[in-house]
Amino acid sequence: MQHKVSTYFALLAEFGSAHIPLDSIAQKFLDIDVQTAKNKAAKQQLPFPCIRINGQKSPWFVDAGVLAIFLDQKMEEAQKTWKKMNE
């Protein structure tokens, strides 16, 4: 069964903004603690770009569209693996 709500709009509904705080997604989607996520963001070592909107001391954010693409790619990989194992 295929759902029709896009990942992007689901993220907008969940987080209420097109710019999602990295703190809110580090554990949930990356399975890393917030400090590790911040360190990786500073080095642009996460699987998607992160931004600081107001300078070096402001919090890190992830664009909802970019995060949606990342999550959709992960889902596609999982579906391919599942299909191979269940054919």
C-alpha atoms as a PDB file:
ATOM      1  CA  MET A   1       0.000   0.000   0.000  1.00  0.00           C
ATOM      2  CA  GLN A   2       1.414   3.380  -1.037  1.00  0.00           C
ATOM      3  CA  HIS A   3       0.768   6.533   0.991  1.00  0.00           C
ATOM      4  CA  LYS A   4       0.136   9.854  -0.731  1.00  0.00           C
ATOM      5  CA  VAL A   5       1.443  12.383   1.818  1.00  0.00           C
ATOM      6  CA  SER A   6       4.895  13.525   0.776  1.00  0.00           C
ATOM      7  CA  THR A   7       7.757  13.275   3.208  1.00  0.00           C
ATOM      8  CA  TYR A   8       8.298  17.012   2.837  1.00  0.00           C
ATOM      9  CA  PHE A   9       4.767  17.894   3.929  1.00  0.00           C
ATOM     10  CA  ALA A  10       4.918  15.338   6.738  1.00  0.00           C
ATOM     11  CA  LEU A  11       8.074  17.056   8.033  1.00  0.00           C
ATOM     12  CA  LEU A  12       6.407  20.467   7.765  1.00  0.00           C
ATOM     13  CA  ALA A  13       3.454  19.161   9.766  1.00  0.00           C
ATOM     14  CA  GLU A  14       5.668  17.560  12.403  1.00  0.00           C
ATOM     15  CA  PHE A  15       8.151  20.399  12.878  1.00  0.00           C
ATOM     16  CA  GLY A  16       6.055  23.391  11.805  1.00  0.00           C
ATOM     17  CA  SER A  17       8.771  24.991   9.709  1.00  0.00           C
ATOM     18  CA  ALA A  18      10.753  24.557   6.505  1.00  0.00           C
ATOM     19  CA  HIS A  19      13.918  24.952   8.592  1.00  0.00           C
ATOM     20  CA  ILE A  20      14.179  22.195  11.183  1.00  0.00           C
ATOM     21  CA  PRO A  21      16.507  22.520  14.185  1.00  0.00           C
ATOM     22  CA  LEU A  22      19.290  19.942  14.005  1.00  0.00           C
ATOM     23  CA  ASP A  23      18.742  19.297  17.719  1.00  0.00           C
ATOM     24  CA  SER A  24      15.260  17.987  16.869  1.00  0.00           C
ATOM     25  CA  ILE A  25      16.388  15.400  14.345  1.00  0.00           C
ATOM     26  CA  ALA A  26      19.831  14.233  15.501  1.00  0.00           C
ATOM     27  CA  GLN A  27      18.663  11.291  17.583  1.00  0.00           C
ATOM     28  CA  LYS A  28      15.459  10.567  15.680  1.00  0.00           C
ATOM     29  CA  PHE A  29      16.817  10.374  12.132  1.00  0.00           C
ATOM     30  CA  LEU A  30      20.601  10.095  12.497  1.00  0.00           C
ATOM     31  CA  ASP A  31      20.872   8.035  15.701  1.00  0.00           C
ATOM     32  CA  ILE A  32      23.565  10.335  17.070  1.00  0.00           C
ATOM     33  CA  ASP A  33      23.553  12.656  20.056  1.00  0.00           C
ATOM     34  CA  VAL A  34      23.029  16.377  19.598  1.00  0.00           C
ATOM     35  CA  GLN A  35      26.636  17.360  20.319  1.00  0.00           C
ATOM     36  CA  THR A  36      27.982  14.881  17.762  1.00  0.00           C
ATOM     37  CA  ALA A  37      25.481  16.219  15.229  1.00  0.00           C
ATOM     38  CA  LYS A  38      26.602  19.799  15.910  1.00  0.00           C
ATOM     39  CA  ASN A  39      30.263  18.829  15.539  1.00  0.00           C
ATOM     40  CA  LYS A  40      29.550  17.055  12.252  1.00  0.00           C
ATOM     41  CA  ALA A  41      27.438  19.985  11.024  1.00  0.00           C
ATOM     42  CA  ALA A  42      30.323  22.370  11.702  1.00  0.00           C
ATOM     43  CA  LYS A  43      32.498  20.219   9.426  1.00  0.00           C
ATOM     44  CA  GLN A  44      29.648  19.578   6.943  1.00  0.00           C
ATOM     45  CA  GLN A  45      30.045  15.835   7.595  1.00  0.00           C
ATOM     46  CA  LEU A  46      26.355  14.990   7.829  1.00  0.00           C
ATOM     47  CA  PRO A  47      24.617  13.336   4.857  1.00  0.00           C
ATOM     48  CA  PHE A  48      22.954  16.689   4.055  1.00  0.00           C
ATOM     49  CA  PRO A  49      23.953  20.348   4.435  1.00  0.00           C
ATOM     50  CA  CYS A  50      23.165  22.288   7.597  1.00  0.00           C
ATOM     51  CA  ILE A  51      22.958  26.036   8.007  1.00  0.00           C
ATOM     52  CA  ARG A  52      23.246  28.641  10.712  1.00  0.00           C
ATOM     53  CA  ILE A  53      20.913  31.486   9.948  1.00  0.00           C
ATOM     54  CA  ASN A  54      22.339  34.220  12.197  1.00  0.00           C
ATOM     55  CA  GLY A  55      26.047  33.583  12.636  1.00  0.00           C
ATOM     56  CA  GLN A  56      28.390  31.189  14.416  1.00  0.00           C
ATOM     57  CA  LYS A  57      26.564  31.125  17.737  1.00  0.00           C
ATOM     58  CA  SER A  58      23.109  30.485  16.310  1.00  0.00           C
ATOM     59  CA  PRO A  59      21.642  26.978  16.192  1.00  0.00           C
ATOM     60  CA  TRP A  60      22.053  24.629  13.249  1.00  0.00           C
ATOM     61  CA  PHE A  61      19.106  24.028  10.924  1.00  0.00           C
ATOM     62  CA  VAL A  62      18.302  21.536   8.192  1.00  0.00           C
ATOM     63  CA  ASP A  63      16.106  22.410   5.231  1.00  0.00           C
ATOM     64  CA  ALA A  64      12.962  20.252   5.285  1.00  0.00           C
ATOM     65  CA  GLY A  65      13.209  19.626   1.544  1.00  0.00           C
ATOM     66  CA  VAL A  66      16.767  18.352   1.824  1.00  0.00           C
ATOM     67  CA  LEU A  67      15.874  16.162   4.808  1.00  0.00           C
ATOM     68  CA  ALA A  68      12.863  14.797   2.915  1.00  0.00           C
ATOM     69  CA  ILE A  69      15.083  13.784  -0.005  1.00  0.00           C
ATOM     70  CA  PHE A  70      17.504  12.065   2.405  1.00  0.00           C
ATOM     71  CA  LEU A  71      14.684  10.159   4.111  1.00  0.00           C
ATOM     72  CA  ASP A  72      13.084   9.205   0.796  1.00  0.00           C
ATOM     73  CA  GLN A  73      16.428   7.844  -0.445  1.00  0.00           C
ATOM     74  CA  LYS A  74      16.804   5.772   2.729  1.00  0.00           C
ATOM     75  CA  MET A  75      13.276   4.423   2.270  1.00  0.00           C
ATOM     76  CA  GLU A  76      13.979   3.538  -1.352  1.00  0.00           C
ATOM     77  CA  GLU A  77      17.137   1.647  -0.293  1.00  0.00           C
ATOM     78  CA  ALA A  78      15.167  -0.224   2.367  1.00  0.00           C
ATOM     79  CA  GLN A  79      12.422  -1.114  -0.118  1.00  0.00           C
ATOM     80  CA  LYS A  80      14.974  -2.506  -2.590  1.00  0.00           C
ATOM     81  CA  THR A  81      16.592  -4.600   0.137  1.00  0.00           C
ATOM     82  CA  TRP A  82      13.217  -5.829   1.358  1.00  0.00           C
ATOM     83  CA  LYS A  83      12.148  -6.729  -2.165  1.00  0.00           C
ATOM     84  CA  LYS A  84      15.359  -8.718  -2.795  1.00  0.00           C
ATOM     85  CA  MET A  85      14.884 -10.651   0.427  1.00  0.00           C
ATOM     86  CA  ASN A  86      11.196 -11.353  -0.178  1.00  0.00           C
ATOM     87  CA  GLU A  87      11.066 -12.329  -3.842  1.00  0.00           C
END
